[in-house]
Amino acid sequence: MRRRGAARVALSALLGVNLILPSRPEPVAATGFVEAYPVTAAAMRAAGHPYADWVADGRRFLTFDARGDGRAVEVLGDLADADRIAVLVPGVGSTLADFDRGLGGVAGRAPAVQAAQLYRRLRSTDPSARVAVLAWLGYDPPDGVVAAVSDASARRGAIGLAGLLRELATRRPTATITVIGHSYGALVAALAAAHAPAQVGDVVSLGGVGAGVQRADELRDGLRFWAAEASSDWIRRVPGVRLPGLGYGRRPGDPAFGARPLPVDGVSGHDGYLATGSATLGALAGVVLGTGPVEDAR
């Protein structure tokens, strides 16, 4: 009896940190292209406020699902004509309810805000460039730090993201795709890009927890991996360990990982990488546009 009780306690503890079973099933996110806009718009109108308001404002979505924590993939720019495409992947705690306002009301964590900041910078850097930015909340991020000790959510999310990347490469075969992950989203981005089509040339980690490997050169040949990690970012305190079902390995911001560094001047904390005026935002625009990072703070 004591053994059975001890086993039950141990199992409960492991489930609590998401090491044995995921907290909820993770469906493979449906891929789509611009033909999905009318379908998602109708679903958002039916869902009511605030989603109907987003449609009324002219916003366009490839994916929308209000069930559970929700899914949404917003598109800024003309995806059907873009030859430079950036896909942003958010991190822990991101939900549809916080898509616009950010977790805890922190705008820098909001997928919609991050995408808008990058899109504005791309347009101001090169007004003639044909660019599109996708805010990809196409997976169920861990709900908190405890659940995030496992890479299970990232691996499930990477399946859906990889499907989207293949769809984009098929629809826009001459386009260049950059995948950008913030925090836990960097792990999703790296896992998806490891076997992505050749159109995915760059992966960027912004305050990332890991990449599923110990060194950048372990990823796909020809894939350029960039990383930004501010000195004030608490992610630097995350240990670079990896055990079966636990941890993420070396952080992309660790020099030993071998990522191409992005400047972090003007970045404050964990959520300021895409803030207006940060050097990271300007450099990231250069990566997406194919001109290389530019260290300025316009």
C-alpha atoms as a PDB file:
ATOM      1  CA  MET A   1       0.000   0.000   0.000  1.00  0.00           C
ATOM      2  CA  ARG A   2       2.800   2.397   0.851  1.00  0.00           C
ATOM      3  CA  ARG A   3       4.537   1.607  -2.440  1.00  0.00           C
ATOM      4  CA  ARG A   4       1.345   2.285  -4.364  1.00  0.00           C
ATOM      5  CA  GLY A   5       0.874   5.592  -2.573  1.00  0.00           C
ATOM      6  CA  ALA A   6       4.460   6.641  -3.198  1.00  0.00           C
ATOM      7  CA  ALA A   7       4.141   5.732  -6.866  1.00  0.00           C
ATOM      8  CA  ARG A   8       0.963   7.803  -7.152  1.00  0.00           C
ATOM      9  CA  VAL A   9       2.707  10.815  -5.601  1.00  0.00           C
ATOM     10  CA  ALA A  10       5.698  10.428  -7.927  1.00  0.00           C
ATOM     11  CA  LEU A  11       3.450  10.155 -10.979  1.00  0.00           C
ATOM     12  CA  SER A  12       1.526  13.256  -9.939  1.00  0.00           C
ATOM     13  CA  ALA A  13       4.766  15.189  -9.509  1.00  0.00           C
ATOM     14  CA  LEU A  14       5.998  14.201 -12.952  1.00  0.00           C
ATOM     15  CA  LEU A  15       2.699  15.107 -14.553  1.00  0.00           C
ATOM     16  CA  GLY A  16       2.865  18.451 -12.791  1.00  0.00           C
ATOM     17  CA  VAL A  17       6.033  19.376 -14.673  1.00  0.00           C
ATOM     18  CA  ASN A  18       4.732  17.952 -17.959  1.00  0.00           C
ATOM     19  CA  LEU A  19       7.413  15.282 -18.335  1.00  0.00           C
ATOM     20  CA  ILE A  20       5.245  12.211 -18.952  1.00  0.00           C
ATOM     21  CA  LEU A  21       2.098  13.436 -20.632  1.00  0.00           C
ATOM     22  CA  PRO A  22       1.183  16.803 -22.143  1.00  0.00           C
ATOM     23  CA  SER A  23      -1.326  18.872 -20.248  1.00  0.00           C
ATOM     24  CA  ARG A  24      -3.677  18.778 -23.247  1.00  0.00           C
ATOM     25  CA  PRO A  25      -3.642  17.249 -26.724  1.00  0.00           C
ATOM     26  CA  GLU A  26      -2.009  19.427 -29.362  1.00  0.00           C
ATOM     27  CA  PRO A  27      -3.731  19.274 -32.760  1.00  0.00           C
ATOM     28  CA  VAL A  28      -1.621  19.831 -35.819  1.00  0.00           C
ATOM     29  CA  ALA A  29      -2.311  23.406 -36.846  1.00  0.00           C
ATOM     30  CA  ALA A  30      -3.975  23.663 -40.225  1.00  0.00           C
ATOM     31  CA  THR A  31      -1.839  25.328 -42.841  1.00  0.00           C
ATOM     32  CA  GLY A  32      -3.321  27.819 -45.197  1.00  0.00           C
ATOM     33  CA  PHE A  33      -2.802  30.689 -47.580  1.00  0.00           C
ATOM     34  CA  VAL A  34      -4.661  33.815 -48.595  1.00  0.00           C
ATOM     35  CA  GLU A  35      -7.717  31.793 -49.662  1.00  0.00           C
ATOM     36  CA  ALA A  36      -8.338  31.289 -45.948  1.00  0.00           C
ATOM     37  CA  TYR A  37      -9.026  34.985 -45.278  1.00  0.00           C
ATOM     38  CA  PRO A  38     -12.801  34.902 -45.943  1.00  0.00           C
ATOM     39  CA  VAL A  39     -13.245  31.704 -43.940  1.00  0.00           C
ATOM     40  CA  THR A  40     -11.406  33.026 -40.893  1.00  0.00           C
ATOM     41  CA  ALA A  41     -13.152  36.397 -41.194  1.00  0.00           C
ATOM     42  CA  ALA A  42     -16.534  34.702 -41.052  1.00  0.00           C
ATOM     43  CA  ALA A  43     -15.505  32.665 -38.008  1.00  0.00           C
ATOM     44  CA  MET A  44     -14.232  35.779 -36.250  1.00  0.00           C
ATOM     45  CA  ARG A  45     -17.434  37.710 -36.928  1.00  0.00           C
ATOM     46  CA  ALA A  46     -19.397  34.809 -35.500  1.00  0.00           C
ATOM     47  CA  ALA A  47     -17.185  34.768 -32.400  1.00  0.00           C
ATOM     48  CA  GLY A  48     -18.133  38.357 -31.601  1.00  0.00           C
ATOM     49  CA  HIS A  49     -16.116  40.946 -29.688  1.00  0.00           C
ATOM     50  CA  PRO A  50     -13.176  41.537 -29.894  1.00  0.00           C
ATOM     51  CA  TYR A  51     -12.524  39.268 -32.870  1.00  0.00           C
ATOM     52  CA  ALA A  52     -15.275  40.712 -35.038  1.00  0.00           C
ATOM     53  CA  ASP A  53     -13.717  44.124 -34.402  1.00  0.00           C
ATOM     54  CA  TRP A  54     -10.374  42.888 -35.745  1.00  0.00           C
ATOM     55  CA  VAL A  55     -12.046  41.918 -39.010  1.00  0.00           C
ATOM     56  CA  ALA A  56     -13.863  45.245 -39.168  1.00  0.00           C
ATOM     57  CA  ASP A  57     -10.484  46.950 -38.857  1.00  0.00           C
ATOM     58  CA  GLY A  58      -9.311  45.149 -42.002  1.00  0.00           C
ATOM     59  CA  ARG A  59      -6.984  42.668 -40.318  1.00  0.00           C
ATOM     60  CA  ARG A  60      -6.384  39.331 -42.070  1.00  0.00           C
ATOM     61  CA  PHE A  61      -5.881  35.894 -40.571  1.00  0.00           C
ATOM     62  CA  LEU A  62      -4.863  32.524 -41.984  1.00  0.00           C
ATOM     63  CA  THR A  63      -6.046  30.691 -38.872  1.00  0.00           C
ATOM     64  CA  PHE A  64      -8.532  31.446 -36.126  1.00  0.00           C
ATOM     65  CA  ASP A  65      -9.835  29.120 -33.428  1.00  0.00           C
ATOM     66  CA  ALA A  66     -11.296  30.477 -30.189  1.00  0.00           C
ATOM     67  CA  ARG A  67     -11.517  27.103 -28.455  1.00  0.00           C
ATOM     68  CA  GLY A  68      -9.344  26.510 -25.401  1.00  0.00           C
ATOM     69  CA  ASP A  69      -6.437  28.926 -25.226  1.00  0.00           C
ATOM     70  CA  GLY A  70      -7.078  29.756 -28.868  1.00  0.00           C
ATOM     71  CA  ARG A  71      -5.115  29.875 -32.114  1.00  0.00           C
ATOM     72  CA  ALA A  72      -4.537  32.732 -34.526  1.00  0.00           C
ATOM     73  CA  VAL A  73      -2.177  33.459 -37.396  1.00  0.00           C
ATOM     74  CA  GLU A  74      -2.310  37.098 -38.483  1.00  0.00           C
ATOM     75  CA  VAL A  75      -0.791  38.374 -41.729  1.00  0.00           C
ATOM     76  CA  LEU A  76       0.589  41.868 -42.229  1.00  0.00           C
ATOM     77  CA  GLY A  77       1.410  42.798 -45.806  1.00  0.00           C
ATOM     78  CA  ASP A  78       0.568  41.130 -49.117  1.00  0.00           C
ATOM     79  CA  LEU A  79       1.421  37.482 -48.560  1.00  0.00           C
ATOM     80  CA  ALA A  80       0.361  36.491 -52.085  1.00  0.00           C
ATOM     81  CA  ASP A  81       3.010  38.783 -53.583  1.00  0.00           C
ATOM     82  CA  ALA A  82       5.714  38.780 -50.888  1.00  0.00           C
ATOM     83  CA  ASP A  83       9.258  37.739 -51.661  1.00  0.00           C
ATOM     84  CA  ARG A  84      10.415  38.297 -48.067  1.00  0.00           C
ATOM     85  CA  ILE A  85       8.357  36.581 -45.363  1.00  0.00           C
ATOM     86  CA  ALA A  86       8.940  36.690 -41.597  1.00  0.00           C
ATOM     87  CA  VAL A  87       7.158  34.336 -39.192  1.00  0.00           C
ATOM     88  CA  LEU A  88       7.122  35.301 -35.497  1.00  0.00           C
ATOM     89  CA  VAL A  89       6.607  32.608 -32.849  1.00  0.00           C
ATOM     90  CA  PRO A  90       5.650  33.701 -29.287  1.00  0.00           C
ATOM     91  CA  GLY A  91       6.613  32.041 -26.036  1.00  0.00           C
ATOM     92  CA  VAL A  92       5.274  30.831 -22.682  1.00  0.00           C
ATOM     93  CA  GLY A  93       1.789  31.840 -21.634  1.00  0.00           C
ATOM     94  CA  SER A  94       0.708  33.308 -24.981  1.00  0.00           C
ATOM     95  CA  THR A  95      -3.017  32.860 -25.640  1.00  0.00           C
ATOM     96  CA  LEU A  96      -5.600  34.243 -28.029  1.00  0.00           C
ATOM     97  CA  ALA A  97      -6.957  36.436 -25.228  1.00  0.00           C
ATOM     98  CA  ASP A  98      -3.547  38.141 -24.998  1.00  0.00           C
ATOM     99  CA  PHE A  99      -2.857  38.216 -28.748  1.00  0.00           C
ATOM    100  CA  ASP A 100      -3.271  41.995 -28.876  1.00  0.00           C
ATOM    101  CA  ARG A 101      -2.555  43.105 -25.318  1.00  0.00           C
ATOM    102  CA  GLY A 102       0.225  40.739 -24.265  1.00  0.00           C
ATOM    103  CA  LEU A 103       0.594  38.406 -21.299  1.00  0.00           C
ATOM    104  CA  GLY A 104       0.056  40.370 -18.110  1.00  0.00           C
ATOM    105  CA  GLY A 105      -0.782  43.443 -20.161  1.00  0.00           C
ATOM    106  CA  VAL A 106       2.839  43.759 -21.362  1.00  0.00           C
ATOM    107  CA  ALA A 107       2.503  44.935 -24.961  1.00  0.00           C
ATOM    108  CA  GLY A 108       5.999  43.721 -25.849  1.00  0.00           C
ATOM    109  CA  ARG A 109       4.791  40.160 -25.314  1.00  0.00           C
ATOM    110  CA  ALA A 110       1.784  40.481 -27.634  1.00  0.00           C
ATOM    111  CA  PRO A 111       2.208  38.588 -30.929  1.00  0.00           C
ATOM    112  CA  ALA A 112       0.183  41.216 -32.808  1.00  0.00           C
ATOM    113  CA  VAL A 113       2.280  44.057 -31.407  1.00  0.00           C
ATOM    114  CA  GLN A 114       5.580  42.317 -32.156  1.00  0.00           C
ATOM    115  CA  ALA A 115       4.521  41.622 -35.741  1.00  0.00           C
ATOM    116  CA  ALA A 116       3.333  45.199 -36.256  1.00  0.00           C
ATOM    117  CA  GLN A 117       6.595  46.634 -34.934  1.00  0.00           C
ATOM    118  CA  LEU A 118       8.653  44.456 -37.263  1.00  0.00           C
ATOM    119  CA  TYR A 119       6.416  45.164 -40.257  1.00  0.00           C
ATOM    120  CA  ARG A 120       6.615  48.929 -39.748  1.00  0.00           C
ATOM    121  CA  ARG A 121      10.393  48.725 -39.495  1.00  0.00           C
ATOM    122  CA  LEU A 122      10.651  46.643 -42.664  1.00  0.00           C
ATOM    123  CA  ARG A 123       8.481  49.119 -44.562  1.00  0.00           C
ATOM    124  CA  SER A 124      10.464  52.101 -43.308  1.00  0.00           C
ATOM    125  CA  THR A 125      13.786  50.430 -44.089  1.00  0.00           C
ATOM    126  CA  ASP A 126      12.821  49.550 -47.662  1.00  0.00           C
ATOM    127  CA  PRO A 127       9.429  50.905 -48.799  1.00  0.00           C
ATOM    128  CA  SER A 128       9.764  49.113 -52.142  1.00  0.00           C
ATOM    129  CA  ALA A 129      10.311  45.671 -50.618  1.00  0.00           C
ATOM    130  CA  ARG A 130       7.516  43.133 -50.993  1.00  0.00           C
ATOM    131  CA  VAL A 131       7.292  41.838 -47.437  1.00  0.00           C
ATOM    132  CA  ALA A 132       4.823  40.018 -45.228  1.00  0.00           C
ATOM    133  CA  VAL A 133       4.973  39.309 -41.505  1.00  0.00           C
ATOM    134  CA  LEU A 134       3.026  36.522 -39.811  1.00  0.00           C
ATOM    135  CA  ALA A 135       2.203  36.535 -36.107  1.00  0.00           C
ATOM    136  CA  TRP A 136       2.016  32.774 -35.580  1.00  0.00           C
ATOM    137  CA  LEU A 137       0.093  31.656 -32.504  1.00  0.00           C
ATOM    138  CA  GLY A 138      -0.476  28.295 -34.113  1.00  0.00           C
ATOM    139  CA  TYR A 139       0.397  26.170 -31.092  1.00  0.00           C
ATOM    140  CA  ASP A 140      -0.410  25.896 -27.396  1.00  0.00           C
ATOM    141  CA  PRO A 141       2.563  27.332 -25.478  1.00  0.00           C
ATOM    142  CA  PRO A 142       3.166  26.114 -21.924  1.00  0.00           C
ATOM    143  CA  ASP A 143       0.964  27.908 -19.422  1.00  0.00           C
ATOM    144  CA  GLY A 144       3.799  28.774 -17.061  1.00  0.00           C
ATOM    145  CA  VAL A 145       7.369  28.216 -15.990  1.00  0.00           C
ATOM    146  CA  VAL A 146       6.694  24.822 -14.393  1.00  0.00           C
ATOM    147  CA  ALA A 147       5.103  23.372 -17.538  1.00  0.00           C
ATOM    148  CA  ALA A 148       7.831  24.952 -19.655  1.00  0.00           C
ATOM    149  CA  VAL A 149      10.618  22.796 -18.207  1.00  0.00           C
ATOM    150  CA  SER A 150       9.730  20.273 -20.914  1.00  0.00           C
ATOM    151  CA  ASP A 151      10.128  20.703 -24.661  1.00  0.00           C
ATOM    152  CA  ALA A 152       6.923  18.705 -25.303  1.00  0.00           C
ATOM    153  CA  SER A 153       4.840  21.738 -26.292  1.00  0.00           C
ATOM    154  CA  ALA A 154       7.633  22.979 -28.542  1.00  0.00           C
ATOM    155  CA  ARG A 155       7.890  19.687 -30.380  1.00  0.00           C
ATOM    156  CA  ARG A 156       4.150  19.520 -30.941  1.00  0.00           C
ATOM    157  CA  GLY A 157       4.111  23.148 -32.040  1.00  0.00           C
ATOM    158  CA  ALA A 158       7.007  22.581 -34.425  1.00  0.00           C
ATOM    159  CA  ILE A 159       4.906  20.084 -36.364  1.00  0.00           C
ATOM    160  CA  GLY A 160       2.285  22.727 -37.112  1.00  0.00           C
ATOM    161  CA  LEU A 161       4.866  25.407 -37.856  1.00  0.00           C
ATOM    162  CA  ALA A 162       6.764  23.129 -40.230  1.00  0.00           C
ATOM    163  CA  GLY A 163       3.518  22.513 -42.099  1.00  0.00           C
ATOM    164  CA  LEU A 164       2.992  26.239 -42.524  1.00  0.00           C
ATOM    165  CA  LEU A 165       6.574  26.731 -43.739  1.00  0.00           C
ATOM    166  CA  ARG A 166       6.115  24.019 -46.349  1.00  0.00           C
ATOM    167  CA  GLU A 167       2.870  25.652 -47.468  1.00  0.00           C
ATOM    168  CA  LEU A 168       4.535  29.042 -47.798  1.00  0.00           C
ATOM    169  CA  ALA A 169       7.433  27.528 -49.746  1.00  0.00           C
ATOM    170  CA  THR A 170       5.016  25.811 -52.109  1.00  0.00           C
ATOM    171  CA  ARG A 171       2.889  28.901 -52.674  1.00  0.00           C
ATOM    172  CA  ARG A 172       5.810  31.346 -52.849  1.00  0.00           C
ATOM    173  CA  PRO A 173       8.745  29.220 -54.101  1.00  0.00           C
ATOM    174  CA  THR A 174      10.925  32.239 -54.891  1.00  0.00           C
ATOM    175  CA  ALA A 175      10.380  33.874 -51.498  1.00  0.00           C
ATOM    176  CA  THR A 176      12.902  33.901 -48.664  1.00  0.00           C
ATOM    177  CA  ILE A 177      11.491  32.989 -45.244  1.00  0.00           C
ATOM    178  CA  THR A 178      12.854  34.029 -41.848  1.00  0.00           C
ATOM    179  CA  VAL A 179      11.552  32.327 -38.697  1.00  0.00           C
ATOM    180  CA  ILE A 180      11.817  34.354 -35.473  1.00  0.00           C
ATOM    181  CA  GLY A 181      11.158  32.905 -32.034  1.00  0.00           C
ATOM    182  CA  HIS A 182      10.862  34.808 -28.772  1.00  0.00           C
ATOM    183  CA  SER A 183      11.729  32.999 -25.526  1.00  0.00           C
ATOM    184  CA  TYR A 184      10.207  29.476 -25.657  1.00  0.00           C
ATOM    185  CA  GLY A 185       9.140  30.272 -29.215  1.00  0.00           C
ATOM    186  CA  ALA A 186      12.803  30.158 -30.267  1.00  0.00           C
ATOM    187  CA  LEU A 187      12.819  26.445 -29.467  1.00  0.00           C
ATOM    188  CA  VAL A 188       9.699  25.920 -31.598  1.00  0.00           C
ATOM    189  CA  ALA A 189      11.266  27.896 -34.446  1.00  0.00           C
ATOM    190  CA  ALA A 190      14.541  25.960 -34.377  1.00  0.00           C
ATOM    191  CA  LEU A 191      12.851  22.563 -34.219  1.00  0.00           C
ATOM    192  CA  ALA A 192      10.580  23.427 -37.152  1.00  0.00           C
ATOM    193  CA  ALA A 193      13.366  24.949 -39.250  1.00  0.00           C
ATOM    194  CA  ALA A 194      15.762  22.028 -38.779  1.00  0.00           C
ATOM    195  CA  HIS A 195      14.043  20.148 -41.608  1.00  0.00           C
ATOM    196  CA  ALA A 196      12.340  23.064 -43.322  1.00  0.00           C
ATOM    197  CA  PRO A 197      12.499  23.708 -47.068  1.00  0.00           C
ATOM    198  CA  ALA A 198      15.397  25.664 -48.510  1.00  0.00           C
ATOM    199  CA  GLN A 199      13.318  28.846 -48.642  1.00  0.00           C
ATOM    200  CA  VAL A 200      13.810  29.076 -44.866  1.00  0.00           C
ATOM    201  CA  GLY A 201      17.269  30.617 -44.793  1.00  0.00           C
ATOM    202  CA  ASP A 202      17.384  32.297 -41.386  1.00  0.00           C
ATOM    203  CA  VAL A 203      16.234  31.477 -37.867  1.00  0.00           C
ATOM    204  CA  VAL A 204      16.384  34.137 -35.153  1.00  0.00           C
ATOM    205  CA  SER A 205      16.283  33.624 -31.398  1.00  0.00           C
ATOM    206  CA  LEU A 206      15.205  36.596 -29.277  1.00  0.00           C
ATOM    207  CA  GLY A 207      15.897  35.804 -25.637  1.00  0.00           C
ATOM    208  CA  GLY A 208      15.540  32.126 -26.523  1.00  0.00           C
ATOM    209  CA  VAL A 209      15.585  29.253 -24.044  1.00  0.00           C
ATOM    210  CA  GLY A 210      17.170  26.775 -26.446  1.00  0.00           C
ATOM    211  CA  ALA A 211      17.236  25.356 -29.950  1.00  0.00           C
ATOM    212  CA  GLY A 212      17.084  21.602 -29.431  1.00  0.00           C
ATOM    213  CA  VAL A 213      20.805  21.253 -30.144  1.00  0.00           C
ATOM    214  CA  GLN A 214      23.996  22.253 -28.370  1.00  0.00           C
ATOM    215  CA  ARG A 215      25.531  24.171 -31.265  1.00  0.00           C
ATOM    216  CA  ALA A 216      24.235  26.121 -34.239  1.00  0.00           C
ATOM    217  CA  ASP A 217      26.295  24.037 -36.674  1.00  0.00           C
ATOM    218  CA  GLU A 218      24.241  20.972 -35.709  1.00  0.00           C
ATOM    219  CA  LEU A 219      21.250  22.423 -37.555  1.00  0.00           C
ATOM    220  CA  ARG A 220      20.526  22.041 -41.267  1.00  0.00           C
ATOM    221  CA  ASP A 221      23.358  22.951 -43.630  1.00  0.00           C
ATOM    222  CA  GLY A 222      22.908  26.418 -45.068  1.00  0.00           C
ATOM    223  CA  LEU A 223      20.623  27.581 -42.256  1.00  0.00           C
ATOM    224  CA  ARG A 224      21.841  30.829 -40.685  1.00  0.00           C
ATOM    225  CA  PHE A 225      21.048  31.047 -36.968  1.00  0.00           C
ATOM    226  CA  TRP A 226      21.001  34.443 -35.247  1.00  0.00           C
ATOM    227  CA  ALA A 227      20.575  35.255 -31.574  1.00  0.00           C
ATOM    228  CA  ALA A 228      19.945  38.314 -29.418  1.00  0.00           C
ATOM    229  CA  GLU A 229      20.254  38.114 -25.641  1.00  0.00           C
ATOM    230  CA  ALA A 230      20.279  41.320 -23.605  1.00  0.00           C
ATOM    231  CA  SER A 231      22.369  41.543 -20.451  1.00  0.00           C
ATOM    232  CA  SER A 232      19.214  42.485 -18.511  1.00  0.00           C
ATOM    233  CA  ASP A 233      17.218  39.496 -19.785  1.00  0.00           C
ATOM    234  CA  TRP A 234      16.337  37.014 -17.032  1.00  0.00           C
ATOM    235  CA  ILE A 235      16.642  34.197 -19.580  1.00  0.00           C
ATOM    236  CA  ARG A 236      20.395  34.282 -18.929  1.00  0.00           C
ATOM    237  CA  ARG A 237      19.711  32.600 -15.584  1.00  0.00           C
ATOM    238  CA  VAL A 238      18.140  29.545 -17.235  1.00  0.00           C
ATOM    239  CA  PRO A 239      20.644  26.664 -16.952  1.00  0.00           C
ATOM    240  CA  GLY A 240      21.816  25.215 -20.250  1.00  0.00           C
ATOM    241  CA  VAL A 241      21.125  21.615 -19.330  1.00  0.00           C
ATOM    242  CA  ARG A 242      19.328  18.917 -21.242  1.00  0.00           C
ATOM    243  CA  LEU A 243      18.097  15.614 -19.829  1.00  0.00           C
ATOM    244  CA  PRO A 244      15.499  13.208 -21.237  1.00  0.00           C
ATOM    245  CA  GLY A 245      12.262  15.221 -21.178  1.00  0.00           C
ATOM    246  CA  LEU A 246      13.808  18.062 -19.214  1.00  0.00           C
ATOM    247  CA  GLY A 247      15.615  21.252 -20.213  1.00  0.00           C
ATOM    248  CA  TYR A 248      16.521  22.742 -23.576  1.00  0.00           C
ATOM    249  CA  GLY A 249      20.286  22.525 -23.827  1.00  0.00           C
ATOM    250  CA  ARG A 250      22.576  25.489 -24.404  1.00  0.00           C
ATOM    251  CA  ARG A 251      20.875  28.863 -24.883  1.00  0.00           C
ATOM    252  CA  PRO A 252      21.263  30.371 -28.363  1.00  0.00           C
ATOM    253  CA  GLY A 253      22.523  33.568 -26.717  1.00  0.00           C
ATOM    254  CA  ASP A 254      25.430  31.703 -25.118  1.00  0.00           C
ATOM    255  CA  PRO A 255      28.551  32.454 -27.220  1.00  0.00           C
ATOM    256  CA  ALA A 256      29.446  28.766 -27.048  1.00  0.00           C
ATOM    257  CA  PHE A 257      26.312  27.966 -29.065  1.00  0.00           C
ATOM    258  CA  GLY A 258      27.859  29.665 -32.082  1.00  0.00           C
ATOM    259  CA  ALA A 259      24.909  31.737 -33.294  1.00  0.00           C
ATOM    260  CA  ARG A 260      25.464  34.905 -35.294  1.00  0.00           C
ATOM    261  CA  PRO A 261      24.984  37.692 -32.743  1.00  0.00           C
ATOM    262  CA  LEU A 262      22.483  40.509 -33.158  1.00  0.00           C
ATOM    263  CA  PRO A 263      23.040  43.834 -31.380  1.00  0.00           C
ATOM    264  CA  VAL A 264      20.996  44.443 -28.248  1.00  0.00           C
ATOM    265  CA  ASP A 265      21.577  48.156 -27.611  1.00  0.00           C
ATOM    266  CA  GLY A 266      18.391  49.719 -26.318  1.00  0.00           C
ATOM    267  CA  VAL A 267      16.850  46.387 -25.298  1.00  0.00           C
ATOM    268  CA  SER A 268      15.495  46.225 -21.771  1.00  0.00           C
ATOM    269  CA  GLY A 269      14.581  42.964 -20.077  1.00  0.00           C
ATOM    270  CA  HIS A 270      13.022  39.946 -21.738  1.00  0.00           C
ATOM    271  CA  ASP A 271      10.362  41.630 -23.855  1.00  0.00           C
ATOM    272  CA  GLY A 272      12.102  44.613 -25.445  1.00  0.00           C
ATOM    273  CA  TYR A 273      13.799  43.088 -28.477  1.00  0.00           C
ATOM    274  CA  LEU A 274      11.228  44.368 -30.968  1.00  0.00           C
ATOM    275  CA  ALA A 275      10.580  47.688 -29.250  1.00  0.00           C
ATOM    276  CA  THR A 276      10.767  50.766 -31.445  1.00  0.00           C
ATOM    277  CA  GLY A 277      14.297  52.157 -31.322  1.00  0.00           C
ATOM    278  CA  SER A 278      16.045  48.958 -30.262  1.00  0.00           C
ATOM    279  CA  ALA A 279      19.147  47.963 -32.202  1.00  0.00           C
ATOM    280  CA  THR A 280      17.799  44.420 -32.399  1.00  0.00           C
ATOM    281  CA  LEU A 281      14.728  45.535 -34.337  1.00  0.00           C
ATOM    282  CA  GLY A 282      16.844  47.375 -36.903  1.00  0.00           C
ATOM    283  CA  ALA A 283      19.254  44.470 -37.276  1.00  0.00           C
ATOM    284  CA  LEU A 284      16.408  41.994 -37.578  1.00  0.00           C
ATOM    285  CA  ALA A 285      14.906  44.027 -40.413  1.00  0.00           C
ATOM    286  CA  GLY A 286      18.235  43.679 -42.222  1.00  0.00           C
ATOM    287  CA  VAL A 287      18.184  39.902 -41.770  1.00  0.00           C
ATOM    288  CA  VAL A 288      14.635  39.608 -43.136  1.00  0.00           C
ATOM    289  CA  LEU A 289      15.402  41.896 -46.095  1.00  0.00           C
ATOM    290  CA  GLY A 290      18.629  40.052 -46.871  1.00  0.00           C
ATOM    291  CA  THR A 291      20.879  43.075 -46.421  1.00  0.00           C
ATOM    292  CA  GLY A 292      22.407  41.844 -43.164  1.00  0.00           C
ATOM    293  CA  PRO A 293      22.031  43.298 -39.662  1.00  0.00           C
ATOM    294  CA  VAL A 294      22.443  47.036 -39.335  1.00  0.00           C
ATOM    295  CA  GLU A 295      23.475  48.330 -35.929  1.00  0.00           C
ATOM    296  CA  ASP A 296      21.433  51.462 -35.566  1.00  0.00           C
ATOM    297  CA  ALA A 297      18.565  52.677 -33.460  1.00  0.00           C
ATOM    298  CA  ARG A 298      16.295  54.544 -35.826  1.00  0.00           C
END
